[in-house]
């Protein structure tokens, strides 16, 4: 009878020891990176533009890896000249308003509305706060 008690006590002690060690382990969750900074690649654009002429601006957002839930947005500000910037055939962007970009490769169209030179900047931001600014400048072609 004494051996049975020792055996049960020994098994109970072993179980308690295993539970103690298992519960004392830190939670080592696998960290999944979601924030991938991006680079903006712009195809060459003309340096001169006439009044009412439209220039196509091809842009690609390049990341080291992809996280499907990353969202990208664009906004712009024109500080010289007069014109309109739009995504494909969508309505023209309003300065400083933010617009969601549906894809990472896209085309913008800038249309001159004056005979002077044009200068504007666009900012592209991802949903993690990474932001890149690109400046554009067009001289008058007339």
Protein backbone atom coordinates (compact mmCIF):
# COMPACT_ATOMS: atom_id res chain seq x y z
CA UNK A 1 0.00 0.00 0.00
CA UNK A 2 2.88 2.32 0.77
CA UNK A 3 4.32 1.70 -2.72
CA UNK A 4 1.00 2.58 -4.35
CA UNK A 5 0.88 5.90 -2.49
CA UNK A 6 4.51 6.64 -3.44
CA UNK A 7 3.77 5.77 -7.08
CA UNK A 8 0.67 8.00 -7.18
CA UNK A 9 2.55 10.80 -5.42
CA UNK A 10 5.44 10.44 -7.89
CA UNK A 11 3.08 10.52 -10.90
CA UNK A 12 1.21 13.51 -9.46
CA UNK A 13 4.51 15.31 -8.86
CA UNK A 14 5.64 14.59 -12.44
CA UNK A 15 2.32 15.87 -13.84
CA UNK A 16 2.51 19.06 -11.75
CA UNK A 17 6.11 19.59 -12.86
CA UNK A 18 5.18 19.20 -16.55
CA UNK A 19 2.22 21.58 -16.16
CA UNK A 20 4.46 24.11 -14.42
CA UNK A 21 7.07 24.03 -17.20
CA UNK A 22 4.50 24.22 -19.97
CA UNK A 23 2.68 27.13 -18.38
CA UNK A 24 5.89 29.05 -17.70
CA UNK A 25 6.91 29.10 -21.37
CA UNK A 26 6.57 32.50 -23.01
CA UNK A 27 4.13 32.96 -25.82
CA UNK A 28 6.37 32.84 -28.89
CA UNK A 29 3.86 33.87 -31.54
CA UNK A 30 5.22 34.03 -35.03
CA UNK A 31 5.42 37.67 -36.07
CA UNK A 32 4.11 38.31 -39.55
CA UNK A 33 5.47 41.42 -41.22
CA UNK A 34 2.81 43.49 -42.91
CA UNK A 35 4.53 46.85 -43.32
CA UNK A 36 6.61 46.87 -46.50
CA UNK A 37 7.96 50.28 -47.53
CA UNK A 38 7.49 51.00 -51.21
CA UNK A 39 9.38 52.70 -54.00
CA UNK A 40 7.69 54.78 -56.69
CA UNK A 41 8.88 54.30 -60.25
CA UNK A 42 7.80 56.86 -62.84
CA UNK A 43 8.29 56.41 -66.56
CA UNK A 44 9.91 59.43 -68.28
CA UNK A 45 7.52 62.27 -69.11
CA UNK A 46 7.88 65.24 -71.49
CA UNK A 47 9.43 68.41 -70.12
CA UNK A 48 7.18 70.76 -72.10
CA UNK A 49 3.42 71.01 -72.46
CA UNK A 50 1.05 73.22 -74.49
CA UNK A 51 -2.22 74.66 -73.27
CA UNK A 52 -4.99 71.99 -73.40
CA UNK A 53 -2.41 69.25 -74.03
CA UNK A 54 -2.53 66.06 -71.92
CA UNK A 55 0.53 64.22 -70.66
CA UNK A 56 0.36 60.61 -69.49
CA UNK A 57 2.26 59.76 -66.30
CA UNK A 58 2.88 56.02 -65.78
CA UNK A 59 3.55 55.03 -62.19
CA UNK A 60 4.44 51.72 -60.52
CA UNK A 61 4.61 51.08 -56.79
CA UNK A 62 7.32 48.53 -56.03
CA UNK A 63 7.63 46.68 -52.70
CA UNK A 64 10.06 44.03 -51.45
CA UNK A 65 7.07 41.83 -50.62
CA UNK A 66 3.29 42.07 -50.76
CA UNK A 67 0.70 42.21 -48.03
CA UNK A 68 -2.71 41.90 -49.66
CA UNK A 69 -4.45 44.26 -47.26
CA UNK A 70 -2.10 47.21 -47.88
CA UNK A 71 -4.02 50.16 -49.33
CA UNK A 72 -2.42 52.99 -51.28
CA UNK A 73 -3.73 56.52 -51.68
CA UNK A 74 -2.72 59.58 -53.66
CA UNK A 75 -3.09 63.34 -53.27
CA UNK A 76 -1.59 66.25 -55.15
CA UNK A 77 -0.96 69.95 -54.91
CA UNK A 78 -0.30 72.31 -57.83
CA UNK A 79 1.81 75.30 -56.85
CA UNK A 80 2.46 76.83 -60.29
CA UNK A 81 0.34 76.95 -63.43
CA UNK A 82 -3.16 75.66 -63.91
CA UNK A 83 -4.20 72.18 -64.91
CA UNK A 84 -6.03 69.06 -63.88
CA UNK A 85 -4.74 65.67 -62.79
CA UNK A 86 -6.87 62.56 -63.06
CA UNK A 87 -6.68 58.79 -62.82
CA UNK A 88 -7.47 57.27 -66.24
CA UNK A 89 -10.89 58.72 -67.18
CA UNK A 90 -12.09 59.36 -63.60
CA UNK A 91 -13.10 62.90 -62.62
CA UNK A 92 -10.10 65.21 -61.99
CA UNK A 93 -8.52 65.14 -58.55
CA UNK A 94 -9.13 68.04 -56.20
CA UNK A 95 -5.94 69.48 -54.71
CA UNK A 96 -5.00 68.04 -51.29
CA UNK A 97 -7.88 65.53 -51.30
CA UNK A 98 -6.86 61.92 -50.80
CA UNK A 99 -7.94 59.24 -53.28
CA UNK A 100 -7.63 55.48 -52.98
CA UNK A 101 -5.52 53.78 -55.66
CA UNK A 102 -7.10 50.52 -56.81
CA UNK A 103 -3.82 49.04 -58.11
CA UNK A 104 -0.05 49.41 -57.83
CA UNK A 105 0.50 50.14 -61.53
CA UNK A 106 -1.52 52.99 -62.93
CA UNK A 107 -1.59 55.98 -65.26
CA UNK A 108 -2.35 59.57 -64.40
CA UNK A 109 -3.27 62.20 -66.97
CA UNK A 110 -2.27 65.81 -66.50
CA UNK A 111 -3.97 68.36 -68.75
CA UNK A 112 -2.61 71.89 -69.04
CA UNK A 113 -5.16 74.68 -68.66
CA UNK A 114 -2.80 77.64 -69.07
CA UNK A 115 0.14 78.88 -71.17
CA UNK A 116 2.50 79.22 -68.20
CA UNK A 117 4.84 76.60 -66.76
CA UNK A 118 3.37 73.95 -64.47
CA UNK A 119 4.67 72.57 -61.18
CA UNK A 120 2.90 70.12 -58.92
CA UNK A 121 3.69 67.37 -56.43
CA UNK A 122 1.95 64.12 -55.74
CA UNK A 123 2.14 62.18 -52.50
CA UNK A 124 1.51 58.45 -52.42
CA UNK A 125 0.89 56.88 -49.03
CA UNK A 126 0.24 53.35 -47.86
CA UNK A 127 -2.03 52.26 -45.02
CA UNK A 128 1.00 51.98 -42.68
CA UNK A 129 1.97 55.65 -43.01
CA UNK A 130 4.84 55.26 -45.48
CA UNK A 131 4.73 58.20 -47.89
CA UNK A 132 6.65 59.25 -51.00
CA UNK A 133 6.56 62.64 -52.73
CA UNK A 134 7.18 63.08 -56.47
CA UNK A 135 7.58 66.49 -58.11
CA UNK A 136 6.61 67.26 -61.70
CA UNK A 137 7.52 70.32 -63.73
CA UNK A 138 6.47 71.18 -67.28
CA UNK A 139 7.63 74.25 -69.19
CA UNK A 140 5.38 76.00 -71.67
CA UNK A 141 5.78 74.47 -75.16
CA UNK A 142 4.21 77.35 -77.15
